[in-house]
C-alpha atoms as a PDB file:
ATOM      1  CA  MET A   1     -51.218   6.322  34.136  1.00  0.00           C
ATOM      2  CA  THR A   2     -54.147   5.836  31.732  1.00  0.00           C
ATOM      3  CA  LEU A   3     -56.565   3.096  32.605  1.00  0.00           C
ATOM      4  CA  THR A   4     -57.882   0.960  29.763  1.00  0.00           C
ATOM      5  CA  GLU A   5     -61.178  -0.889  29.476  1.00  0.00           C
ATOM      6  CA  PRO A   6     -60.758  -4.659  29.656  1.00  0.00           C
ATOM      7  CA  VAL A   7     -61.121  -6.530  26.275  1.00  0.00           C
ATOM      8  CA  ILE A   8     -64.514  -8.376  26.495  1.00  0.00           C
ATOM      9  CA  ILE A   9     -64.145 -11.827  24.899  1.00  0.00           C
ATOM     10  CA  GLY A  10     -67.777 -12.764  25.337  1.00  0.00           C
ATOM     11  CA  ALA A  11     -70.849 -12.487  27.728  1.00  0.00           C
ATOM     12  CA  LEU A  12     -72.729 -15.194  29.592  1.00  0.00           C
ATOM     13  CA  SER A  13     -75.833 -15.226  31.846  1.00  0.00           C
ATOM     14  CA  PRO A  14     -76.677 -18.062  34.215  1.00  0.00           C
ATOM     15  CA  SER A  15     -79.610 -19.073  31.919  1.00  0.00           C
ATOM     16  CA  ARG A  16     -77.343 -19.406  28.856  1.00  0.00           C
ATOM     17  CA  ALA A  17     -74.626 -21.164  30.854  1.00  0.00           C
ATOM     18  CA  GLY A  18     -77.365 -23.681  32.007  1.00  0.00           C
ATOM     19  CA  ASP A  19     -78.404 -24.080  28.390  1.00  0.00           C
ATOM     20  CA  PHE A  20     -74.908 -25.167  27.332  1.00  0.00           C
ATOM     21  CA  MET A  21     -74.553 -27.534  30.331  1.00  0.00           C
ATOM     22  CA  THR A  22     -77.907 -29.074  29.386  1.00  0.00           C
ATOM     23  CA  CYS A  23     -77.249 -29.325  25.739  1.00  0.00           C
ATOM     24  CA  PRO A  24     -74.692 -27.458  23.704  1.00  0.00           C
ATOM     25  CA  LEU A  25     -77.028 -27.655  20.594  1.00  0.00           C
ATOM     26  CA  LEU A  26     -79.745 -25.932  22.601  1.00  0.00           C
ATOM     27  CA  TYR A  27     -77.217 -23.199  23.383  1.00  0.00           C
ATOM     28  CA  ARG A  28     -76.526 -22.900  19.657  1.00  0.00           C
ATOM     29  CA  PHE A  29     -80.108 -22.669  18.707  1.00  0.00           C
ATOM     30  CA  ARG A  30     -80.927 -20.000  21.274  1.00  0.00           C
ATOM     31  CA  VAL A  31     -77.718 -17.882  21.156  1.00  0.00           C
ATOM     32  CA  ILE A  32     -76.163 -18.325  17.666  1.00  0.00           C
ATOM     33  CA  ASP A  33     -79.139 -19.155  15.537  1.00  0.00           C
ATOM     34  CA  GLN A  34     -81.618 -17.178  17.693  1.00  0.00           C
ATOM     35  CA  LEU A  35     -84.503 -19.380  16.630  1.00  0.00           C
ATOM     36  CA  PRO A  36     -87.872 -18.332  17.879  1.00  0.00           C
ATOM     37  CA  GLU A  37     -89.520 -20.308  20.548  1.00  0.00           C
ATOM     38  CA  LYS A  38     -93.216 -20.349  21.606  1.00  0.00           C
ATOM     39  CA  PRO A  39     -93.922 -19.204  25.095  1.00  0.00           C
ATOM     40  CA  SER A  40     -94.874 -21.920  27.631  1.00  0.00           C
ATOM     41  CA  GLN A  41     -97.665 -21.340  30.164  1.00  0.00           C
ATOM     42  CA  ALA A  42     -95.235 -22.254  32.968  1.00  0.00           C
ATOM     43  CA  ALA A  43     -92.687 -19.627  31.836  1.00  0.00           C
ATOM     44  CA  VAL A  44     -95.199 -16.851  31.298  1.00  0.00           C
ATOM     45  CA  ARG A  45     -96.911 -17.618  34.600  1.00  0.00           C
ATOM     46  CA  GLY A  46     -93.368 -17.104  36.148  1.00  0.00           C
ATOM     47  CA  THR A  47     -92.939 -13.775  34.572  1.00  0.00           C
ATOM     48  CA  VAL A  48     -96.280 -12.587  35.949  1.00  0.00           C
ATOM     49  CA  VAL A  49     -95.604 -14.002  39.412  1.00  0.00           C
ATOM     50  CA  HIS A  50     -92.227 -12.372  39.442  1.00  0.00           C
ATOM     51  CA  ALA A  51     -93.748  -8.925  38.393  1.00  0.00           C
ATOM     52  CA  VAL A  52     -96.215  -9.097  41.142  1.00  0.00           C
ATOM     53  CA  LEU A  53     -93.666  -9.859  43.798  1.00  0.00           C
ATOM     54  CA  GLU A  54     -91.453  -7.095  42.585  1.00  0.00           C
ATOM     55  CA  ARG A  55     -94.329  -4.556  42.768  1.00  0.00           C
ATOM     56  CA  LEU A  56     -95.598  -5.788  46.152  1.00  0.00           C
ATOM     57  CA  TYR A  57     -92.626  -4.206  47.663  1.00  0.00           C
ATOM     58  CA  ASP A  58     -93.574  -0.808  46.162  1.00  0.00           C
ATOM     59  CA  LEU A  59     -96.359  -0.722  48.830  1.00  0.00           C
ATOM     60  CA  PRO A  60     -95.745   0.378  52.367  1.00  0.00           C
ATOM     61  CA  ALA A  61     -94.891  -2.605  54.526  1.00  0.00           C
ATOM     62  CA  PRO A  62     -98.213  -2.797  56.399  1.00  0.00           C
ATOM     63  CA  ARG A  63    -100.043  -3.101  53.079  1.00  0.00           C
ATOM     64  CA  ARG A  64     -98.130  -6.079  51.755  1.00  0.00           C
ATOM     65  CA  SER A  65    -100.815  -8.649  52.189  1.00  0.00           C
ATOM     66  CA  VAL A  66    -101.966 -11.640  50.390  1.00  0.00           C
ATOM     67  CA  ARG A  67    -104.968  -9.609  49.209  1.00  0.00           C
ATOM     68  CA  ALA A  68    -102.653  -6.938  47.865  1.00  0.00           C
ATOM     69  CA  ALA A  69    -100.635  -9.478  45.921  1.00  0.00           C
ATOM     70  CA  LEU A  70    -103.744 -11.046  44.331  1.00  0.00           C
ATOM     71  CA  GLU A  71    -105.082  -7.632  43.396  1.00  0.00           C
ATOM     72  CA  LEU A  72    -101.752  -7.016  41.433  1.00  0.00           C
ATOM     73  CA  LEU A  73    -102.029 -10.315  39.466  1.00  0.00           C
ATOM     74  CA  GLU A  74    -104.662  -9.328  36.822  1.00  0.00           C
ATOM     75  CA  PRO A  75    -103.102  -5.973  36.074  1.00  0.00           C
ATOM     76  CA  GLN A  76     -99.643  -7.529  35.579  1.00  0.00           C
ATOM     77  CA  TRP A  77    -101.173 -10.236  33.296  1.00  0.00           C
ATOM     78  CA  GLN A  78    -102.933  -7.584  31.210  1.00  0.00           C
ATOM     79  CA  ARG A  79     -99.718  -5.523  31.055  1.00  0.00           C
ATOM     80  CA  LEU A  80     -97.976  -8.508  29.612  1.00  0.00           C
ATOM     81  CA  LEU A  81    -100.730  -9.157  27.174  1.00  0.00           C
ATOM     82  CA  ALA A  82    -100.614  -5.552  26.030  1.00  0.00           C
ATOM     83  CA  ASP A  83     -96.798  -6.028  25.317  1.00  0.00           C
ATOM     84  CA  ASP A  84     -97.424  -9.258  23.337  1.00  0.00           C
ATOM     85  CA  PRO A  85    -101.040 -10.189  22.590  1.00  0.00           C
ATOM     86  CA  LEU A  86     -99.842 -13.585  21.239  1.00  0.00           C
ATOM     87  CA  TYR A  87     -99.608 -14.821  24.869  1.00  0.00           C
ATOM     88  CA  ALA A  88    -103.382 -15.234  24.802  1.00  0.00           C
ATOM     89  CA  ARG A  89    -102.976 -17.951  22.192  1.00  0.00           C
ATOM     90  CA  MET A  90    -101.328 -20.207  24.834  1.00  0.00           C
ATOM     91  CA  PHE A  91    -104.824 -21.221  26.006  1.00  0.00           C
ATOM     92  CA  ALA A  92    -107.300 -23.489  24.322  1.00  0.00           C
ATOM     93  CA  ASP A  93    -110.205 -21.492  25.883  1.00  0.00           C
ATOM     94  CA  GLU A  94    -111.166 -19.181  28.767  1.00  0.00           C
ATOM     95  CA  THR A  95    -111.508 -22.068  31.214  1.00  0.00           C
ATOM     96  CA  GLU A  96    -107.871 -23.074  30.720  1.00  0.00           C
ATOM     97  CA  GLN A  97    -106.754 -19.471  31.118  1.00  0.00           C
ATOM     98  CA  ALA A  98    -108.668 -19.326  34.412  1.00  0.00           C
ATOM     99  CA  GLU A  99    -107.108 -22.392  35.673  1.00  0.00           C
ATOM    100  CA  TRP A 100    -103.756 -20.970  34.813  1.00  0.00           C
ATOM    101  CA  LEU A 101    -104.425 -17.755  36.635  1.00  0.00           C
ATOM    102  CA  ALA A 102    -105.650 -19.836  39.653  1.00  0.00           C
ATOM    103  CA  GLN A 103    -102.282 -21.615  39.795  1.00  0.00           C
ATOM    104  CA  ALA A 104    -100.632 -18.160  39.779  1.00  0.00           C
ATOM    105  CA  ARG A 105    -102.834 -17.170  42.656  1.00  0.00           C
ATOM    106  CA  GLY A 106    -101.885 -20.213  44.559  1.00  0.00           C
ATOM    107  CA  MET A 107     -98.147 -19.448  44.249  1.00  0.00           C
ATOM    108  CA  LEU A 108     -98.640 -15.933  45.506  1.00  0.00           C
ATOM    109  CA  GLU A 109    -100.645 -17.279  48.415  1.00  0.00           C
ATOM    110  CA  ARG A 110     -97.874 -19.742  49.123  1.00  0.00           C
ATOM    111  CA  TYR A 111     -95.237 -17.087  49.081  1.00  0.00           C
ATOM    112  CA  PHE A 112     -96.679 -15.635  52.271  1.00  0.00           C
ATOM    113  CA  THR A 113     -96.173 -18.983  54.074  1.00  0.00           C
ATOM    114  CA  LEU A 114     -92.545 -18.778  53.264  1.00  0.00           C
ATOM    115  CA  GLU A 115     -91.558 -15.172  53.876  1.00  0.00           C
ATOM    116  CA  ASP A 116     -93.304 -12.297  55.704  1.00  0.00           C
ATOM    117  CA  PRO A 117     -92.977  -9.229  53.263  1.00  0.00           C
ATOM    118  CA  THR A 118     -94.153  -6.829  55.950  1.00  0.00           C
ATOM    119  CA  ARG A 119     -90.858  -7.434  57.797  1.00  0.00           C
ATOM    120  CA  LEU A 120     -88.605  -7.035  54.734  1.00  0.00           C
ATOM    121  CA  GLU A 121     -87.110  -3.910  53.093  1.00  0.00           C
ATOM    122  CA  PRO A 122     -85.262  -5.099  50.045  1.00  0.00           C
ATOM    123  CA  ALA A 123     -82.195  -3.028  49.123  1.00  0.00           C
ATOM    124  CA  GLU A 124     -82.652  -3.909  45.379  1.00  0.00           C
ATOM    125  CA  ARG A 125     -85.330  -5.627  43.230  1.00  0.00           C
ATOM    126  CA  GLU A 126     -84.784  -6.859  39.675  1.00  0.00           C
ATOM    127  CA  LEU A 127     -81.253  -5.742  39.982  1.00  0.00           C
ATOM    128  CA  TYR A 128     -79.059  -5.875  36.757  1.00  0.00           C
ATOM    129  CA  VAL A 129     -75.506  -6.873  37.505  1.00  0.00           C
ATOM    130  CA  GLU A 130     -72.517  -7.405  35.330  1.00  0.00           C
ATOM    131  CA  ALA A 131     -68.771  -7.926  36.041  1.00  0.00           C
ATOM    132  CA  VAL A 132     -65.869  -8.809  33.753  1.00  0.00           C
ATOM    133  CA  LEU A 133     -63.635 -11.527  34.927  1.00  0.00           C
ATOM    134  CA  ASP A 134     -59.861 -11.357  34.549  1.00  0.00           C
ATOM    135  CA  GLY A 135     -59.980 -13.460  31.402  1.00  0.00           C
ATOM    136  CA  GLY A 136     -62.227 -10.915  29.737  1.00  0.00           C
ATOM    137  CA  LEU A 137     -65.582 -12.850  30.140  1.00  0.00           C
ATOM    138  CA  MET A 138     -68.395 -10.699  31.077  1.00  0.00           C
ATOM    139  CA  LEU A 139     -71.052 -12.306  33.543  1.00  0.00           C
ATOM    140  CA  ARG A 140     -74.416 -10.649  33.709  1.00  0.00           C
ATOM    141  CA  GLY A 141     -77.913 -11.246  34.700  1.00  0.00           C
ATOM    142  CA  TYR A 142     -80.823 -10.083  36.863  1.00  0.00           C
ATOM    143  CA  VAL A 143     -81.068 -10.713  40.593  1.00  0.00           C
ATOM    144  CA  ASP A 144     -84.666 -10.946  41.864  1.00  0.00           C
ATOM    145  CA  ARG A 145     -83.968  -9.322  45.203  1.00  0.00           C
ATOM    146  CA  LEU A 146     -81.026  -8.220  47.336  1.00  0.00           C
ATOM    147  CA  ASP A 147     -81.450  -7.752  51.069  1.00  0.00           C
ATOM    148  CA  VAL A 148     -78.775  -5.921  53.033  1.00  0.00           C
ATOM    149  CA  ALA A 149     -78.695  -6.187  56.865  1.00  0.00           C
ATOM    150  CA  PRO A 150     -77.907  -3.215  59.107  1.00  0.00           C
ATOM    151  CA  THR A 151     -74.445  -4.793  59.554  1.00  0.00           C
ATOM    152  CA  GLY A 152     -73.852  -4.765  55.857  1.00  0.00           C
ATOM    153  CA  GLU A 153     -74.296  -8.568  55.174  1.00  0.00           C
ATOM    154  CA  VAL A 154     -75.983  -9.338  51.834  1.00  0.00           C
ATOM    155  CA  ARG A 155     -78.507 -11.916  51.041  1.00  0.00           C
ATOM    156  CA  VAL A 156     -79.301 -12.891  47.466  1.00  0.00           C
ATOM    157  CA  VAL A 157     -82.905 -13.988  46.860  1.00  0.00           C
ATOM    158  CA  ASP A 158     -84.370 -15.684  43.815  1.00  0.00           C
ATOM    159  CA  TYR A 159     -87.941 -16.719  43.303  1.00  0.00           C
ATOM    160  CA  LYS A 160     -88.676 -20.019  41.534  1.00  0.00           C
ATOM    161  CA  THR A 161     -92.254 -20.913  40.342  1.00  0.00           C
ATOM    162  CA  GLY A 162     -91.241 -24.507  39.988  1.00  0.00           C
ATOM    163  CA  THR A 163     -90.979 -27.116  42.731  1.00  0.00           C
ATOM    164  CA  ALA A 164     -87.899 -27.492  44.836  1.00  0.00           C
ATOM    165  CA  PRO A 165     -85.294 -29.949  43.475  1.00  0.00           C
ATOM    166  CA  GLY A 166     -84.369 -33.218  45.193  1.00  0.00           C
ATOM    167  CA  PRO A 167     -80.977 -33.523  46.950  1.00  0.00           C
ATOM    168  CA  ASP A 168     -79.434 -34.895  43.671  1.00  0.00           C
ATOM    169  CA  PHE A 169     -80.216 -31.668  41.793  1.00  0.00           C
ATOM    170  CA  GLU A 170     -79.647 -28.993  44.443  1.00  0.00           C
ATOM    171  CA  ALA A 171     -76.109 -28.273  43.142  1.00  0.00           C
ATOM    172  CA  LYS A 172     -77.477 -27.481  39.642  1.00  0.00           C
ATOM    173  CA  ALA A 173     -80.143 -25.266  41.251  1.00  0.00           C
ATOM    174  CA  LEU A 174     -77.527 -23.495  43.242  1.00  0.00           C
ATOM    175  CA  PHE A 175     -75.142 -22.862  40.267  1.00  0.00           C
ATOM    176  CA  GLN A 176     -77.281 -19.879  39.159  1.00  0.00           C
ATOM    177  CA  MET A 177     -77.104 -18.246  42.752  1.00  0.00           C
ATOM    178  CA  LYS A 178     -73.411 -18.947  42.930  1.00  0.00           C
ATOM    179  CA  PHE A 179     -73.087 -17.257  39.523  1.00  0.00           C
ATOM    180  CA  TYR A 180     -74.762 -14.058  40.930  1.00  0.00           C
ATOM    181  CA  ALA A 181     -72.717 -14.179  44.090  1.00  0.00           C
ATOM    182  CA  LEU A 182     -69.531 -14.397  41.938  1.00  0.00           C
ATOM    183  CA  VAL A 183     -70.732 -11.245  40.088  1.00  0.00           C
ATOM    184  CA  LEU A 184     -71.600  -9.347  43.223  1.00  0.00           C
ATOM    185  CA  TRP A 185     -68.320 -10.418  44.739  1.00  0.00           C
ATOM    186  CA  ARG A 186     -66.338  -9.131  41.757  1.00  0.00           C
ATOM    187  CA  LEU A 187     -68.489  -5.913  41.730  1.00  0.00           C
ATOM    188  CA  ARG A 188     -68.432  -5.068  45.422  1.00  0.00           C
ATOM    189  CA  GLY A 189     -65.582  -7.036  46.864  1.00  0.00           C
ATOM    190  CA  GLN A 190     -67.844  -8.688  49.442  1.00  0.00           C
ATOM    191  CA  VAL A 191     -68.924 -12.335  49.464  1.00  0.00           C
ATOM    192  CA  PRO A 192     -72.806 -12.474  49.973  1.00  0.00           C
ATOM    193  CA  ARG A 193     -73.624 -13.949  53.343  1.00  0.00           C
ATOM    194  CA  LEU A 194     -76.571 -16.046  52.128  1.00  0.00           C
ATOM    195  CA  LEU A 195     -78.043 -17.342  48.863  1.00  0.00           C
ATOM    196  CA  GLN A 196     -81.772 -18.086  49.166  1.00  0.00           C
ATOM    197  CA  LEU A 197     -84.054 -19.818  46.578  1.00  0.00           C
ATOM    198  CA  VAL A 198     -87.749 -19.478  47.257  1.00  0.00           C
ATOM    199  CA  TYR A 199     -89.737 -22.170  45.534  1.00  0.00           C
ATOM    200  CA  LEU A 200     -93.356 -21.308  45.012  1.00  0.00           C
ATOM    201  CA  GLY A 201     -94.464 -24.585  43.394  1.00  0.00           C
ATOM    202  CA  GLY A 202     -95.564 -27.751  45.030  1.00  0.00           C
ATOM    203  CA  GLN A 203     -95.714 -27.311  48.821  1.00  0.00           C
ATOM    204  CA  GLY A 204     -93.448 -24.471  48.811  1.00  0.00           C
ATOM    205  CA  GLU A 205     -89.812 -24.486  50.098  1.00  0.00           C
ATOM    206  CA  VAL A 206     -86.845 -22.268  50.881  1.00  0.00           C
ATOM    207  CA  LEU A 207     -83.340 -23.512  49.933  1.00  0.00           C
ATOM    208  CA  ARG A 208     -80.583 -21.606  51.674  1.00  0.00           C
ATOM    209  CA  TYR A 209     -76.881 -21.713  51.178  1.00  0.00           C
ATOM    210  CA  ALA A 210     -73.988 -19.678  52.726  1.00  0.00           C
ATOM    211  CA  PRO A 211     -71.139 -19.418  50.141  1.00  0.00           C
ATOM    212  CA  ASP A 212     -67.466 -18.710  50.803  1.00  0.00           C
ATOM    213  CA  GLU A 213     -64.544 -17.575  48.571  1.00  0.00           C
ATOM    214  CA  ALA A 214     -63.585 -21.054  47.771  1.00  0.00           C
ATOM    215  CA  ASP A 215     -67.178 -21.787  46.395  1.00  0.00           C
ATOM    216  CA  LEU A 216     -66.986 -18.690  44.261  1.00  0.00           C
ATOM    217  CA  LEU A 217     -63.560 -19.348  42.957  1.00  0.00           C
ATOM    218  CA  ALA A 218     -64.678 -22.799  42.072  1.00  0.00           C
ATOM    219  CA  THR A 219     -67.707 -21.214  40.276  1.00  0.00           C
ATOM    220  CA  GLU A 220     -65.358 -18.926  38.423  1.00  0.00           C
ATOM    221  CA  ARG A 221     -63.337 -21.800  37.266  1.00  0.00           C
ATOM    222  CA  LYS A 222     -66.401 -23.638  36.114  1.00  0.00           C
ATOM    223  CA  VAL A 223     -67.761 -20.597  34.219  1.00  0.00           C
ATOM    224  CA  MET A 224     -64.495 -20.079  32.409  1.00  0.00           C
ATOM    225  CA  ALA A 225     -64.344 -23.855  31.521  1.00  0.00           C
ATOM    226  CA  LEU A 226     -67.811 -23.497  30.032  1.00  0.00           C
ATOM    227  CA  TRP A 227     -66.743 -20.461  28.014  1.00  0.00           C
ATOM    228  CA  ALA A 228     -63.724 -22.427  26.697  1.00  0.00           C
ATOM    229  CA  ALA A 229     -66.056 -25.252  25.635  1.00  0.00           C
ATOM    230  CA  ILE A 230     -68.280 -22.710  23.878  1.00  0.00           C
ATOM    231  CA  GLU A 231     -65.305 -21.298  22.037  1.00  0.00           C
ATOM    232  CA  ARG A 232     -64.307 -24.794  20.862  1.00  0.00           C
ATOM    233  CA  SER A 233     -67.663 -25.321  19.476  1.00  0.00           C
ATOM    234  CA  LEU A 234     -67.449 -21.922  17.679  1.00  0.00           C
ATOM    235  CA  GLU A 235     -64.206 -22.864  16.218  1.00  0.00           C
ATOM    236  CA  THR A 236     -65.088 -26.433  15.145  1.00  0.00           C
ATOM    237  CA  GLY A 237     -68.752 -25.690  14.269  1.00  0.00           C
ATOM    238  CA  GLU A 238     -69.780 -28.797  16.393  1.00  0.00           C
ATOM    239  CA  TRP A 239     -72.595 -28.337  18.842  1.00  0.00           C
ATOM    240  CA  ARG A 240     -73.310 -31.698  20.262  1.00  0.00           C
ATOM    241  CA  ALA A 241     -76.999 -32.601  21.224  1.00  0.00           C
ATOM    242  CA  ARG A 242     -77.343 -33.964  24.649  1.00  0.00           C
ATOM    243  CA  ARG A 243     -80.577 -35.952  25.123  1.00  0.00           C
ATOM    244  CA  SER A 244     -82.397 -35.746  28.455  1.00  0.00           C
ATOM    245  CA  ARG A 245     -85.898 -35.698  29.880  1.00  0.00           C
ATOM    246  CA  LEU A 246     -85.825 -31.861  29.229  1.00  0.00           C
ATOM    247  CA  CYS A 247     -86.109 -32.674  25.568  1.00  0.00           C
ATOM    248  CA  ASP A 248     -89.796 -33.164  26.059  1.00  0.00           C
ATOM    249  CA  TRP A 249     -90.170 -29.474  26.431  1.00  0.00           C
ATOM    250  CA  CYS A 250     -87.772 -28.350  23.644  1.00  0.00           C
ATOM    251  CA  ASP A 251     -89.195 -26.459  20.672  1.00  0.00           C
ATOM    252  CA  HIS A 252     -86.328 -27.627  18.370  1.00  0.00           C
ATOM    253  CA  GLN A 253     -86.830 -31.344  18.177  1.00  0.00           C
ATOM    254  CA  ALA A 254     -87.489 -31.196  14.423  1.00  0.00           C
ATOM    255  CA  LEU A 255     -84.089 -29.814  13.858  1.00  0.00           C
ATOM    256  CA  CYS A 256     -82.253 -32.061  16.449  1.00  0.00           C
ATOM    257  CA  PRO A 257     -80.277 -35.140  15.279  1.00  0.00           C
ATOM    258  CA  GLU A 258     -81.456 -36.933  18.504  1.00  0.00           C
ATOM    259  CA  PHE A 259     -84.921 -36.858  16.853  1.00  0.00           C
ATOM    260  CA  GLY A 260     -83.967 -37.516  13.217  1.00  0.00           C
ATOM    261  CA  GLY A 261     -83.768 -33.793  12.409  1.00  0.00           C
ATOM    262  CA  THR A 262     -80.907 -31.791  10.763  1.00  0.00           C
ATOM    263  CA  PRO A 263     -79.785 -28.472  12.120  1.00  0.00           C
ATOM    264  CA  PRO A 264     -79.520 -25.575   9.655  1.00  0.00           C
ATOM    265  CA  PRO A 265     -76.055 -24.225   8.625  1.00  0.00           C
ATOM    266  CA  VAL A 266     -74.365 -22.344  11.442  1.00  0.00           C
ATOM    267  CA  PRO A 267     -74.804 -18.671  10.884  1.00  0.00           C
ATOM    268  CA  ASP A 268     -71.839 -16.279  10.930  1.00  0.00           C
ATOM    269  CA  ARG A 269     -72.732 -14.905  14.319  1.00  0.00           C
ATOM    270  CA  GLN A 270     -70.877 -14.662  17.572  1.00  0.00           C
ATOM    271  CA  PRO A 271     -72.668 -15.279  20.824  1.00  0.00           C
ATOM    272  CA  GLY A 272     -73.928 -12.051  22.287  1.00  0.00           C
ATOM    273  CA  ASP A 273     -75.855 -13.633  25.127  1.00  0.00           C
ATOM    274  CA  THR A 274     -79.579 -13.165  25.461  1.00  0.00           C
ATOM    275  CA  VAL A 275     -80.133 -11.237  28.689  1.00  0.00           C
ATOM    276  CA  ARG A 276     -83.127  -8.949  27.837  1.00  0.00           C
ATOM    277  CA  SER A 277     -84.241  -5.711  29.453  1.00  0.00           C
ATOM    278  CA  ASN A 278     -87.715  -7.162  30.124  1.00  0.00           C
ATOM    279  CA  ARG A 279     -85.745 -10.079  31.768  1.00  0.00           C
ATOM    280  CA  ARG A 280     -88.257 -12.794  32.136  1.00  0.00           C
ATOM    281  CA  SER A 281     -88.682 -14.404  28.692  1.00  0.00           C
ATOM    282  CA  ALA A 282     -90.101 -17.693  27.848  1.00  0.00           C
ATOM    283  CA  THR A 283     -86.612 -19.275  27.836  1.00  0.00           C
ATOM    284  CA  ASP A 284     -85.347 -17.720  31.054  1.00  0.00           C
ATOM    285  CA  GLU A 285     -84.902 -19.907  34.273  1.00  0.00           C
ATOM    286  CA  LEU A 286     -87.796 -19.876  36.627  1.00  0.00           C
END
């Protein structure tokens, strides 16, 4: 019997799924129109902090100290600048850049109050995962860290450089983690034992959640319903703007009907998702 590859109807990452849930027009601007967006200080700081924490675990366990993490910060910032010198334009002057780096240092110091990296040996870091659901939708993304216990139990860890959400917003924060857990379940046939969000902003906090199969089946239904809604928008050409407080940080207000703007004609392009090989872009979730 010849096995055939499944027909892929589309691809979705948790960031782009979150975009559509936040505002379908934002999803269109990012995925269909692929409009440029200027990098934000918060997003780029998240990129640098993530890079430091990834490389911290390259060191032998006894050397994973606060000092070692802080020594990695400047080289990672310079590496990012070398890739895109335009990041330097985010700052009005050297003082503002110094304050920005100081905030990043504070996040790295806070990390050590939440976890002890000398006692951890991650199985994977910055792990790219993808799985195709029965309906043909490919789910994909990057997992910050995967820990595997000697007993085989899996913990999915994600670093967030924002502040921890209040109780009313925890479900939205956990959607991304359940998305990753669903992908890993479909890939490996094992439900992760624990999902862990490490918040490095504010006072620092760790949010933990133990999923079960019912959780992940519900997440799968939600993701498929999201994709059905995206397909309806593709067919009708209607991408509704949804106003919220997040609009204050949107680069596309001038084109948004909620702010008196007019979107450009919809290009003849199918959504290909926007997961990038360098993963932490200015529009990725942090």
